[in-house]
Amino acid sequence: MTSRYADMFGSRARDGEGALGIFTMLGDPDPGSCLACLDAIVAGGADMVEVGIPFSDPIADGPVIQAAAERALRAGVRTADCLEMIADFRQRHPTVPLGVLTYANLVVARGIDAFCQQLADAGGDSLLIADVPSIEVGPYAAAARRAALDLVMIAATNTPGATLQRIAAAGSGYTYCVARAGVTGADREVHFNGHPALFAALAAAGAPPPSWGSVSPRPTTFARRSIRARPG
């Protein structure tokens, strides 16, 4: 776990609280506005920030994030611009953990090692690749380790036990626990059923701290539950 995640989770644990992470799409609707949004996210109390790189063919993102990616792509935002925005964020927020959630195409296009190193050099702390299953994550995990990045893995309440073992072995930083079936942002209500058993199984496997991951069209739900992580 990078020092920023360790420090943040340790601080929240000492306060007896979970951690709140907020996601936003880099470059939406343009780089300048996005940087202002990131500042507002931190000022609003986010303990950690997760950002997306706009991509034309997401498979895990629902209509809310897809629309954000389309706006960023129309503004001409590309991966290099996103790395520059991450570097800008890091200069102004040196202690806030920042992770990227993206897709394998964008990582492979730059070279797995090159992408991981460029993300680390920009000030990123973690990488989550939404469309790489745990059985194929080896090259990405190795490249992340070489760049001193955390590789965040995804788990769900119906993930088999053998897969949870692989997730625990490959992941670091935190474990992204899907709040419900389907793409993000498709329903108004988010229900957290079955997660106590999932969290117990992850803890038994030695996985990084679990977080709930979801996106809701309702701002109040998003603010409370977008990513709620509790150490241990």
Protein backbone atom coordinates (compact mmCIF):
# COMPACT_ATOMS: atom_id res chain seq x y z
CA MET A 1 0.00 0.00 0.00
CA THR A 2 1.41 3.42 -0.91
CA SER A 3 2.10 5.76 1.96
CA ARG A 4 -0.75 8.09 1.07
CA TYR A 5 -3.36 5.31 1.34
CA ALA A 6 -1.72 3.95 4.49
CA ASP A 7 -1.65 7.38 6.12
CA MET A 8 -5.25 8.14 5.16
CA PHE A 9 -6.68 4.77 6.25
CA GLY A 10 -4.67 4.95 9.47
CA SER A 11 -6.02 8.42 10.24
CA ARG A 12 -9.61 7.37 9.59
CA ALA A 13 -9.15 4.27 11.75
CA ARG A 14 -7.84 6.35 14.65
CA ASP A 15 -10.95 8.54 14.32
CA GLY A 16 -13.18 5.47 14.20
CA GLU A 17 -14.49 6.44 10.78
CA GLY A 18 -14.63 5.08 7.27
CA ALA A 19 -13.11 6.97 4.35
CA LEU A 20 -14.99 8.74 1.58
CA GLY A 21 -13.69 8.59 -1.98
CA ILE A 22 -15.18 10.54 -4.88
CA PHE A 23 -14.92 9.66 -8.57
CA THR A 24 -14.81 12.10 -11.45
CA MET A 25 -13.93 11.85 -15.13
CA LEU A 26 -10.75 13.68 -16.04
CA GLY A 27 -11.30 16.43 -18.60
CA ASP A 28 -15.06 16.70 -18.11
CA PRO A 29 -16.24 19.05 -19.52
CA ASP A 30 -12.78 20.54 -20.14
CA PRO A 31 -9.42 20.36 -18.31
CA GLY A 32 -9.76 23.69 -16.53
CA SER A 33 -13.23 22.97 -15.20
CA CYS A 34 -12.16 19.46 -14.19
CA LEU A 35 -9.23 20.77 -12.14
CA ALA A 36 -11.59 23.15 -10.34
CA CYS A 37 -13.92 20.21 -9.70
CA LEU A 38 -11.07 18.19 -8.21
CA ASP A 39 -10.23 21.07 -5.88
CA ALA A 40 -13.89 21.24 -4.83
CA ILE A 41 -13.96 17.49 -4.18
CA VAL A 42 -11.04 17.80 -1.78
CA ALA A 43 -12.43 20.95 -0.16
CA GLY A 44 -15.74 19.12 0.27
CA GLY A 45 -14.15 16.44 2.41
CA ALA A 46 -13.10 13.58 0.14
CA ASP A 47 -10.45 11.42 1.79
CA MET A 48 -9.33 9.96 -1.51
CA VAL A 49 -10.02 10.66 -5.18
CA GLU A 50 -10.62 8.25 -8.03
CA VAL A 51 -10.45 9.53 -11.61
CA GLY A 52 -11.33 8.09 -14.99
CA ILE A 53 -9.60 8.54 -18.32
CA PRO A 54 -12.15 9.20 -21.07
CA PHE A 55 -12.64 6.09 -23.22
CA SER A 56 -14.98 5.44 -26.13
CA ASP A 57 -15.98 1.86 -25.23
CA PRO A 58 -16.45 1.40 -21.48
CA ILE A 59 -18.09 -1.81 -20.33
CA ALA A 60 -18.47 -1.11 -16.60
CA ASP A 61 -19.64 2.49 -16.71
CA GLY A 62 -23.31 3.40 -16.91
CA PRO A 63 -24.90 6.44 -18.54
CA VAL A 64 -23.61 9.01 -16.03
CA ILE A 65 -19.92 8.22 -16.53
CA GLN A 66 -20.34 7.46 -20.23
CA ALA A 67 -21.76 10.96 -20.76
CA ALA A 68 -18.84 12.45 -18.82
CA ALA A 69 -16.34 10.56 -20.99
CA GLU A 70 -18.08 11.70 -24.15
CA ARG A 71 -17.93 15.34 -23.05
CA ALA A 72 -14.21 15.02 -22.29
CA LEU A 73 -13.47 13.30 -25.60
CA ARG A 74 -15.38 16.01 -27.47
CA ALA A 75 -13.19 18.56 -25.68
CA GLY A 76 -10.14 16.80 -27.15
CA VAL A 77 -8.91 15.27 -23.88
CA ARG A 78 -6.51 12.35 -24.31
CA THR A 79 -4.43 10.17 -21.96
CA ALA A 80 -1.46 12.56 -22.00
CA ASP A 81 -3.74 15.41 -20.95
CA CYS A 82 -5.04 13.26 -18.08
CA LEU A 83 -1.53 12.59 -16.83
CA GLU A 84 -0.87 16.32 -16.87
CA MET A 85 -4.05 16.93 -14.85
CA ILE A 86 -2.97 14.33 -12.30
CA ALA A 87 0.42 16.04 -11.98
CA ASP A 88 -1.32 19.39 -11.48
CA PHE A 89 -3.58 17.87 -8.80
CA ARG A 90 -0.58 16.36 -7.02
CA GLN A 91 1.20 19.70 -6.80
CA ARG A 92 -1.79 21.28 -5.05
CA HIS A 93 -2.85 18.25 -2.97
CA PRO A 94 0.32 16.42 -1.94
CA THR A 95 -1.26 14.16 0.69
CA VAL A 96 -4.59 13.11 -0.88
CA PRO A 97 -4.51 9.57 -2.38
CA LEU A 98 -5.45 9.54 -6.06
CA GLY A 99 -6.21 6.46 -8.12
CA VAL A 100 -7.07 5.90 -11.79
CA LEU A 101 -9.92 3.65 -12.91
CA THR A 102 -9.55 2.84 -16.59
CA TYR A 103 -9.55 0.11 -19.26
CA ALA A 104 -6.86 -2.19 -20.61
CA ASN A 105 -6.81 -0.64 -24.09
CA LEU A 106 -5.51 2.66 -22.76
CA VAL A 107 -2.84 0.95 -20.65
CA VAL A 108 -1.62 -1.43 -23.36
CA ALA A 109 -1.59 1.33 -26.00
CA ARG A 110 1.19 3.14 -24.09
CA GLY A 111 2.85 -0.08 -22.90
CA ILE A 112 1.94 -1.55 -19.52
CA ASP A 113 5.23 -0.62 -17.87
CA ALA A 114 5.30 2.80 -19.49
CA PHE A 115 1.74 3.60 -18.45
CA CYS A 116 2.35 2.57 -14.84
CA GLN A 117 5.58 4.54 -14.61
CA GLN A 118 4.04 7.64 -16.20
CA LEU A 119 1.10 7.46 -13.80
CA ALA A 120 3.43 7.11 -10.82
CA ASP A 121 5.63 9.96 -12.07
CA ALA A 122 2.55 12.18 -12.35
CA GLY A 123 1.69 11.49 -8.72
CA GLY A 124 -0.91 8.72 -8.99
CA ASP A 125 -1.16 6.18 -6.18
CA SER A 126 -3.20 3.36 -7.67
CA LEU A 127 -4.50 1.80 -10.87
CA LEU A 128 -7.74 -0.14 -11.34
CA ILE A 129 -8.28 -1.72 -14.77
CA ALA A 130 -11.98 -2.53 -14.94
CA ASP A 131 -11.91 -5.06 -17.79
CA VAL A 132 -8.96 -7.22 -16.76
CA PRO A 133 -10.09 -10.33 -14.84
CA SER A 134 -8.04 -11.53 -11.89
CA ILE A 135 -6.78 -14.58 -13.81
CA GLU A 136 -5.09 -12.28 -16.38
CA VAL A 137 -3.88 -9.54 -14.07
CA GLY A 138 -0.32 -10.82 -13.59
CA PRO A 139 1.52 -8.53 -16.06
CA TYR A 140 -0.37 -5.48 -14.80
CA ALA A 141 0.33 -6.33 -11.15
CA ALA A 142 4.03 -6.78 -11.88
CA ALA A 143 4.26 -3.48 -13.75
CA ALA A 144 2.40 -1.68 -10.96
CA ARG A 145 4.81 -3.07 -8.38
CA ARG A 146 7.81 -1.96 -10.44
CA ALA A 147 6.36 1.57 -10.58
CA ALA A 148 5.43 1.55 -6.85
CA LEU A 149 1.73 1.83 -7.68
CA ASP A 150 -1.08 0.01 -5.89
CA LEU A 151 -3.15 -2.24 -8.15
CA VAL A 152 -6.79 -2.10 -7.03
CA MET A 153 -8.89 -5.20 -7.70
CA ILE A 154 -12.69 -5.55 -7.99
CA ALA A 155 -14.79 -7.98 -5.94
CA ALA A 156 -18.53 -8.61 -5.80
CA THR A 157 -20.87 -10.50 -3.50
CA ASN A 158 -21.08 -13.36 -6.02
CA THR A 159 -17.32 -13.62 -6.63
CA PRO A 160 -16.18 -17.23 -6.06
CA GLY A 161 -13.83 -17.99 -3.20
CA ALA A 162 -10.95 -19.01 -5.45
CA THR A 163 -11.20 -15.69 -7.28
CA LEU A 164 -11.23 -13.78 -3.99
CA GLN A 165 -7.95 -15.48 -3.15
CA ARG A 166 -6.42 -14.23 -6.42
CA ILE A 167 -7.83 -10.74 -5.79
CA ALA A 168 -6.30 -10.70 -2.32
CA ALA A 169 -2.93 -11.85 -3.63
CA ALA A 170 -2.74 -9.38 -6.53
CA GLY A 171 -4.43 -6.31 -5.05
CA SER A 172 -3.11 -3.51 -2.90
CA GLY A 173 -4.28 -0.11 -1.72
CA TYR A 174 -7.92 -1.09 -1.29
CA THR A 175 -10.41 -3.57 -2.74
CA TYR A 176 -13.21 -2.10 -4.85
CA CYS A 177 -16.38 -3.93 -3.83
CA VAL A 178 -19.20 -3.57 -6.34
CA ALA A 179 -22.30 -2.29 -4.56
CA ARG A 180 -24.77 -4.01 -6.87
CA ALA A 181 -25.01 -5.93 -10.14
CA GLY A 182 -24.87 -4.06 -13.44
CA VAL A 183 -23.14 -0.97 -14.71
CA THR A 184 -22.69 2.08 -12.53
CA GLY A 185 -25.34 4.76 -12.34
CA ALA A 186 -28.20 2.77 -13.86
CA ASP A 187 -30.49 2.76 -10.80
CA ARG A 188 -31.58 5.42 -8.39
CA GLU A 189 -31.29 3.23 -5.34
CA VAL A 190 -28.16 1.48 -4.14
CA HIS A 191 -28.50 -1.45 -1.79
CA PHE A 192 -25.66 -2.92 0.22
CA ASN A 193 -26.82 -6.51 0.63
CA GLY A 194 -24.46 -9.40 1.15
CA HIS A 195 -21.43 -7.23 1.75
CA PRO A 196 -20.72 -8.27 5.37
CA ALA A 197 -20.03 -11.80 4.12
CA LEU A 198 -17.90 -10.47 1.26
CA PHE A 199 -15.90 -8.24 3.61
CA ALA A 200 -15.34 -11.18 5.97
CA ALA A 201 -14.14 -13.38 3.11
CA LEU A 202 -11.76 -10.67 1.88
CA ALA A 203 -10.38 -10.16 5.37
CA ALA A 204 -9.85 -13.89 5.78
CA ALA A 205 -7.96 -13.94 2.48
CA GLY A 206 -5.75 -11.03 3.57
CA ALA A 207 -7.10 -8.60 0.97
CA PRO A 208 -6.56 -4.82 1.19
CA PRO A 209 -9.27 -2.72 2.94
CA PRO A 210 -12.67 -3.03 1.23
CA SER A 211 -14.58 -0.12 -0.26
CA TRP A 212 -18.08 0.16 -1.65
CA GLY A 213 -18.09 1.39 -5.19
CA SER A 214 -21.16 2.82 -6.85
CA VAL A 215 -22.48 5.76 -8.81
CA SER A 216 -25.96 7.13 -8.33
CA PRO A 217 -27.76 9.80 -10.36
CA ARG A 218 -28.94 11.29 -7.05
CA PRO A 219 -26.33 13.64 -5.59
CA THR A 220 -27.33 12.90 -1.98
CA THR A 221 -26.80 9.19 -2.47
CA PHE A 222 -23.56 9.82 -4.33
CA ALA A 223 -22.23 12.01 -1.55
CA ARG A 224 -22.94 9.46 1.12
CA ARG A 225 -22.12 6.28 -0.66
CA SER A 226 -20.00 6.79 -3.75
CA ILE A 227 -17.09 4.97 -2.17
CA ARG A 228 -17.19 4.28 1.53
CA ALA A 229 -14.13 2.45 2.76
CA ARG A 230 -13.45 1.20 6.23
CA PRO A 231 -9.96 0.05 7.18
CA GLY A 232 -9.57 -3.57 8.16
